[in-house]
Amino acid sequence: MSGRRSRTTKNLLFIGGTASGKTTSLNAAALFIPPLAKVVSIEDTREITLSHENWVASVTRDAVSEGLGTPIGMFDLLKAAMRQRPEYILVGEVRGSEAQTLFQAMNTGHTTFSTMHAGGIDAAIHRLESEPLNVPRNMLQALDVISVQSLTHRGQDRVRRCREIVELTGIDPITGNLLVNTVFEYDPVADTFSYSGRSRIFDEIMEYRGWDREQLETELQNRRRVLLAMHEQGIRDFREVSRVIQAYAIDPERVLASLPDPGRLFR
């Protein structure tokens, strides 16, 4: 079994254009980080917001004036973060030489969530491999999931949607191309999401936990019940959402017992 498949956590990259919801989605995904995990975030502008006791937030710094003060960039913060031995590293946006260090962190077992400007999967891979990021293709295999965000329209309203969620499944030994699998895809007409029925990561979760397909479906359904219950009850503040998610991680049976009747939620 490869080192990649032995990991129990997954590396995520949120891509899209300006105001497409990349950082918002990263913040939402970060709410599911286990309550005892050590987290370090790195940003140019403070946008990541967590309700997590073991979180170190770091921000870049420009020189105060010419010749005074030492500028601290993303690359410097990322190197410093590695020395703190975090379990999760959140990077606000990858745009330069720090990308190589980020992917080194992925390849050495750290779990990373990050964002990047790119219009689609091909554009993201091309940008990662080109100047100034220069990430080698074999290191890209450590990235597990890419979420493609977009700013679109629903009638007269501008809305943000996840266009597709794609897994990177490896490298084709013949062509050398990265292999991808689209797991979820957005239907703009119906404003719904469809599941392809194929997910390498779901298979790895079942293997790691010793579950069969039915047990996986039950767990997914239970988590969906929790999210729908929070939506129905108007729980929107990230601190309250985080408390519910952390309570589920510690004692899922107690949280499920407190939910409304499942039939009413799914009507």
Protein backbone atom coordinates (compact mmCIF):
# COMPACT_ATOMS: atom_id res chain seq x y z
CA MET A 1 0.00 0.00 0.00
CA SER A 2 1.38 3.45 -0.93
CA GLY A 3 1.92 6.20 1.61
CA ARG A 4 -0.88 8.13 -0.01
CA ARG A 5 -3.46 5.43 0.58
CA SER A 6 -2.41 4.90 4.19
CA ARG A 7 -3.39 8.46 5.17
CA THR A 8 -6.69 8.84 6.99
CA THR A 9 -7.07 12.56 6.24
CA LYS A 10 -7.23 14.20 2.82
CA ASN A 11 -5.66 17.27 1.23
CA LEU A 12 -8.09 19.75 -0.31
CA LEU A 13 -7.65 22.57 -2.82
CA PHE A 14 -10.44 25.06 -3.56
CA ILE A 15 -10.11 26.76 -6.93
CA GLY A 16 -12.13 29.34 -8.81
CA GLY A 17 -12.25 32.98 -9.88
CA THR A 18 -12.55 36.11 -7.77
CA ALA A 19 -15.50 36.07 -5.31
CA SER A 20 -16.38 32.47 -6.21
CA GLY A 21 -16.41 31.28 -2.58
CA LYS A 22 -13.00 29.64 -2.26
CA THR A 23 -12.16 30.91 1.23
CA THR A 24 -15.77 30.56 2.38
CA SER A 25 -15.68 26.89 1.36
CA LEU A 26 -12.31 26.39 3.05
CA ASN A 27 -13.74 27.88 6.25
CA ALA A 28 -16.74 25.54 6.04
CA ALA A 29 -14.59 22.45 5.46
CA ALA A 30 -12.28 23.45 8.33
CA LEU A 31 -15.22 23.24 10.77
CA PHE A 32 -14.94 19.45 10.43
CA ILE A 33 -11.33 19.31 11.67
CA PRO A 34 -11.22 17.08 14.80
CA PRO A 35 -11.47 19.12 18.02
CA LEU A 36 -8.07 18.03 19.42
CA ALA A 37 -6.05 18.48 16.21
CA LYS A 38 -3.36 21.17 16.03
CA VAL A 39 -4.08 23.69 13.25
CA VAL A 40 -1.91 26.44 11.74
CA SER A 41 -3.31 28.93 9.22
CA ILE A 42 -1.22 31.15 6.92
CA GLU A 43 -2.65 34.14 5.03
CA ASP A 44 -1.83 37.49 3.45
CA THR A 45 -5.11 38.94 4.73
CA ARG A 46 -6.93 37.48 7.74
CA GLU A 47 -9.97 35.65 6.32
CA ILE A 48 -9.85 32.15 7.84
CA THR A 49 -12.10 31.96 10.90
CA LEU A 50 -12.21 28.88 13.12
CA SER A 51 -13.71 28.00 16.47
CA HIS A 52 -10.89 25.71 17.48
CA GLU A 53 -8.90 25.69 20.71
CA ASN A 54 -5.62 24.50 19.19
CA TRP A 55 -5.37 26.97 16.30
CA VAL A 56 -2.40 29.24 15.53
CA ALA A 57 -3.26 32.00 13.03
CA SER A 58 -0.37 33.66 11.18
CA VAL A 59 -0.40 36.55 8.70
CA THR A 60 2.30 37.88 6.37
CA ARG A 61 3.99 41.22 7.08
CA ASP A 62 5.42 43.84 4.74
CA ALA A 63 8.49 45.88 5.64
CA VAL A 64 7.50 48.92 7.72
CA SER A 65 9.53 51.17 5.42
CA GLU A 66 12.59 50.84 3.21
CA GLY A 67 15.41 49.48 5.32
CA LEU A 68 13.26 49.10 8.43
CA GLY A 69 11.66 45.85 9.52
CA THR A 70 11.98 42.48 7.83
CA PRO A 71 9.13 41.40 5.56
CA ILE A 72 7.65 37.99 6.40
CA GLY A 73 6.10 36.20 3.44
CA MET A 74 3.99 33.07 2.96
CA PHE A 75 7.08 30.95 2.35
CA ASP A 76 8.62 32.06 5.68
CA LEU A 77 5.41 31.40 7.59
CA LEU A 78 4.99 27.99 6.01
CA LYS A 79 8.53 26.95 6.93
CA ALA A 80 7.94 28.14 10.49
CA ALA A 81 4.62 26.27 10.61
CA MET A 82 6.32 23.01 9.66
CA ARG A 83 8.51 23.29 12.76
CA GLN A 84 5.40 23.48 14.95
CA ARG A 85 4.35 19.98 13.81
CA PRO A 86 0.73 20.85 13.02
CA GLU A 87 -1.70 18.16 11.92
CA TYR A 88 -3.55 20.59 9.64
CA ILE A 89 -2.11 23.50 7.64
CA LEU A 90 -4.55 26.00 6.10
CA VAL A 91 -3.09 28.34 3.47
CA GLY A 92 -5.25 31.28 2.41
CA GLU A 93 -4.04 31.35 -1.19
CA VAL A 94 -1.16 29.68 -3.00
CA ARG A 95 0.50 31.95 -5.53
CA GLY A 96 4.28 31.54 -5.37
CA SER A 97 7.26 29.52 -4.18
CA GLU A 98 5.41 28.48 -1.01
CA ALA A 99 3.50 25.98 -3.21
CA GLN A 100 6.48 23.60 -3.26
CA THR A 101 6.75 23.69 0.54
CA LEU A 102 2.99 23.16 0.82
CA PHE A 103 3.18 20.05 -1.35
CA GLN A 104 6.22 18.84 0.59
CA ALA A 105 4.05 19.16 3.70
CA MET A 106 1.38 17.04 2.00
CA ASN A 107 3.92 14.40 1.02
CA THR A 108 5.29 14.20 4.57
CA GLY A 109 1.91 13.52 6.17
CA HIS A 110 0.53 16.95 7.04
CA THR A 111 -3.07 17.57 6.00
CA THR A 112 -3.50 20.81 4.07
CA PHE A 113 -6.45 22.90 2.91
CA SER A 114 -5.71 25.75 0.51
CA THR A 115 -7.14 27.96 -2.23
CA MET A 116 -5.89 29.06 -5.63
CA HIS A 117 -7.13 31.17 -8.54
CA ALA A 118 -7.91 28.90 -11.51
CA GLY A 119 -10.90 28.44 -13.80
CA GLY A 120 -10.91 24.64 -13.83
CA ILE A 121 -8.99 21.43 -13.15
CA ASP A 122 -6.72 21.63 -16.20
CA ALA A 123 -5.94 25.29 -15.53
CA ALA A 124 -5.14 24.54 -11.88
CA ILE A 125 -2.76 21.70 -12.74
CA HIS A 126 -1.07 23.80 -15.42
CA ARG A 127 -0.62 26.70 -13.00
CA LEU A 128 0.75 24.45 -10.24
CA GLU A 129 3.36 22.99 -12.60
CA SER A 130 4.38 26.33 -14.15
CA GLU A 131 6.26 29.42 -12.94
CA PRO A 132 6.33 30.63 -10.24
CA LEU A 133 4.80 27.64 -8.38
CA ASN A 134 6.85 24.90 -10.09
CA VAL A 135 5.39 21.89 -8.27
CA PRO A 136 6.73 18.61 -9.76
CA ARG A 137 4.03 16.33 -11.16
CA ASN A 138 4.92 13.41 -8.89
CA MET A 139 4.33 15.68 -5.86
CA LEU A 140 0.87 16.64 -7.15
CA GLN A 141 -0.27 13.09 -6.37
CA ALA A 142 -0.42 14.06 -2.69
CA LEU A 143 -3.39 16.32 -3.47
CA ASP A 144 -6.59 14.33 -2.98
CA VAL A 145 -9.54 16.60 -3.79
CA ILE A 146 -10.08 19.74 -5.87
CA SER A 147 -13.32 21.69 -5.38
CA VAL A 148 -14.14 23.99 -8.31
CA GLN A 149 -16.05 27.09 -7.18
CA SER A 150 -17.91 29.53 -9.42
CA LEU A 151 -19.92 32.75 -9.25
CA THR A 152 -23.07 32.25 -11.28
CA HIS A 153 -26.65 33.52 -11.64
CA ARG A 154 -30.01 32.18 -10.45
CA GLY A 155 -32.60 34.44 -12.02
CA GLN A 156 -31.64 37.99 -11.04
CA ASP A 157 -29.41 36.87 -8.17
CA ARG A 158 -25.68 36.26 -8.24
CA VAL A 159 -24.91 33.09 -6.28
CA ARG A 160 -21.82 31.06 -5.46
CA ARG A 161 -21.83 27.36 -6.19
CA CYS A 162 -19.45 24.42 -6.12
CA ARG A 163 -19.32 23.41 -9.80
CA GLU A 164 -17.65 20.04 -9.27
CA ILE A 165 -15.65 18.03 -6.77
CA VAL A 166 -12.83 16.05 -8.36
CA GLU A 167 -10.45 13.45 -6.94
CA LEU A 168 -6.88 13.09 -8.16
CA THR A 169 -6.38 9.35 -8.40
CA GLY A 170 -2.78 9.03 -9.62
CA ILE A 171 -0.61 9.29 -12.72
CA ASP A 172 -1.13 7.32 -15.91
CA PRO A 173 2.04 5.16 -16.24
CA ILE A 174 1.92 5.37 -20.04
CA THR A 175 1.07 9.02 -20.76
CA GLY A 176 2.28 10.56 -17.51
CA ASN A 177 -0.97 12.52 -17.23
CA LEU A 178 -2.74 13.01 -13.91
CA LEU A 179 -5.83 10.82 -13.54
CA VAL A 180 -8.96 12.48 -12.17
CA ASN A 181 -12.41 11.32 -11.12
CA THR A 182 -15.39 13.68 -10.92
CA VAL A 183 -17.35 12.64 -7.82
CA PHE A 184 -19.97 15.40 -7.56
CA GLU A 185 -21.20 17.70 -10.32
CA TYR A 186 -23.50 20.72 -10.26
CA ASP A 187 -26.59 20.91 -12.50
CA PRO A 188 -27.22 24.64 -13.12
CA VAL A 189 -30.72 24.04 -14.54
CA ALA A 190 -32.08 22.15 -11.53
CA ASP A 191 -29.68 23.86 -9.06
CA THR A 192 -28.81 20.45 -7.62
CA PHE A 193 -25.74 18.23 -7.25
CA SER A 194 -25.37 14.72 -8.62
CA TYR A 195 -23.12 11.94 -7.33
CA SER A 196 -21.30 9.88 -9.96
CA GLY A 197 -21.42 6.77 -7.78
CA ARG A 198 -17.62 6.39 -7.85
CA SER A 199 -15.24 7.67 -5.18
CA ARG A 200 -11.75 6.45 -4.38
CA ILE A 201 -11.83 8.31 -1.08
CA PHE A 202 -15.09 6.69 0.01
CA ASP A 203 -13.48 3.32 -0.77
CA GLU A 204 -10.43 4.23 1.33
CA ILE A 205 -12.65 5.32 4.24
CA MET A 206 -14.46 1.97 4.13
CA GLU A 207 -11.15 0.10 4.03
CA TYR A 208 -9.64 2.08 6.91
CA ARG A 209 -12.70 1.76 9.15
CA GLY A 210 -13.56 -1.81 8.19
CA TRP A 211 -17.01 -0.77 6.90
CA ASP A 212 -19.13 -2.23 4.16
CA ARG A 213 -21.11 -0.05 1.73
CA GLU A 214 -24.19 -0.05 3.95
CA GLN A 215 -22.25 1.23 6.97
CA LEU A 216 -20.75 4.02 4.87
CA GLU A 217 -24.19 5.03 3.58
CA THR A 218 -25.58 5.03 7.13
CA GLU A 219 -22.80 7.32 8.36
CA LEU A 220 -23.27 9.70 5.43
CA GLN A 221 -27.02 9.76 6.07
CA ASN A 222 -26.47 10.50 9.78
CA ARG A 223 -24.16 13.41 8.99
CA ARG A 224 -26.64 14.72 6.46
CA ARG A 225 -29.34 14.58 9.16
CA VAL A 226 -27.18 16.70 11.48
CA LEU A 227 -26.53 19.33 8.79
CA LEU A 228 -30.20 19.46 7.74
CA ALA A 229 -31.29 19.81 11.36
CA MET A 230 -28.93 22.78 11.84
CA HIS A 231 -30.30 24.34 8.65
CA GLU A 232 -33.91 23.82 9.75
CA GLN A 233 -33.23 25.30 13.19
CA GLY A 234 -31.44 28.34 11.76
CA ILE A 235 -28.05 27.51 13.28
CA ARG A 236 -25.77 29.66 11.10
CA ASP A 237 -23.13 31.14 13.40
CA PHE A 238 -19.84 29.32 12.79
CA ARG A 239 -19.21 28.90 16.53
CA GLU A 240 -22.54 27.16 17.06
CA VAL A 241 -22.05 25.00 13.96
CA SER A 242 -18.56 24.06 15.17
CA ARG A 243 -19.92 23.08 18.59
CA VAL A 244 -22.48 20.73 17.04
CA ILE A 245 -19.92 19.15 14.71
CA GLN A 246 -17.41 18.68 17.54
CA ALA A 247 -20.13 17.18 19.75
CA TYR A 248 -20.93 14.71 16.95
CA ALA A 249 -17.24 13.78 16.64
CA ILE A 250 -17.10 13.02 20.38
CA ASP A 251 -20.51 11.36 20.92
CA PRO A 252 -22.51 10.87 17.70
CA GLU A 253 -25.25 8.81 19.35
CA ARG A 254 -26.11 11.61 21.76
CA VAL A 255 -26.32 14.16 18.94
CA LEU A 256 -28.45 11.86 16.76
CA ALA A 257 -30.80 11.16 19.68
CA SER A 258 -31.45 14.91 20.02
CA LEU A 259 -32.45 15.39 16.36
CA PRO A 260 -36.02 15.76 15.13
CA ASP A 261 -37.80 12.81 13.55
CA PRO A 262 -35.82 11.85 10.37
CA GLY A 263 -39.00 11.54 8.33
CA ARG A 264 -39.86 15.19 8.97
CA LEU A 265 -36.40 16.31 7.87
CA PHE A 266 -36.52 14.49 4.54
CA ARG A 267 -40.07 15.39 3.52
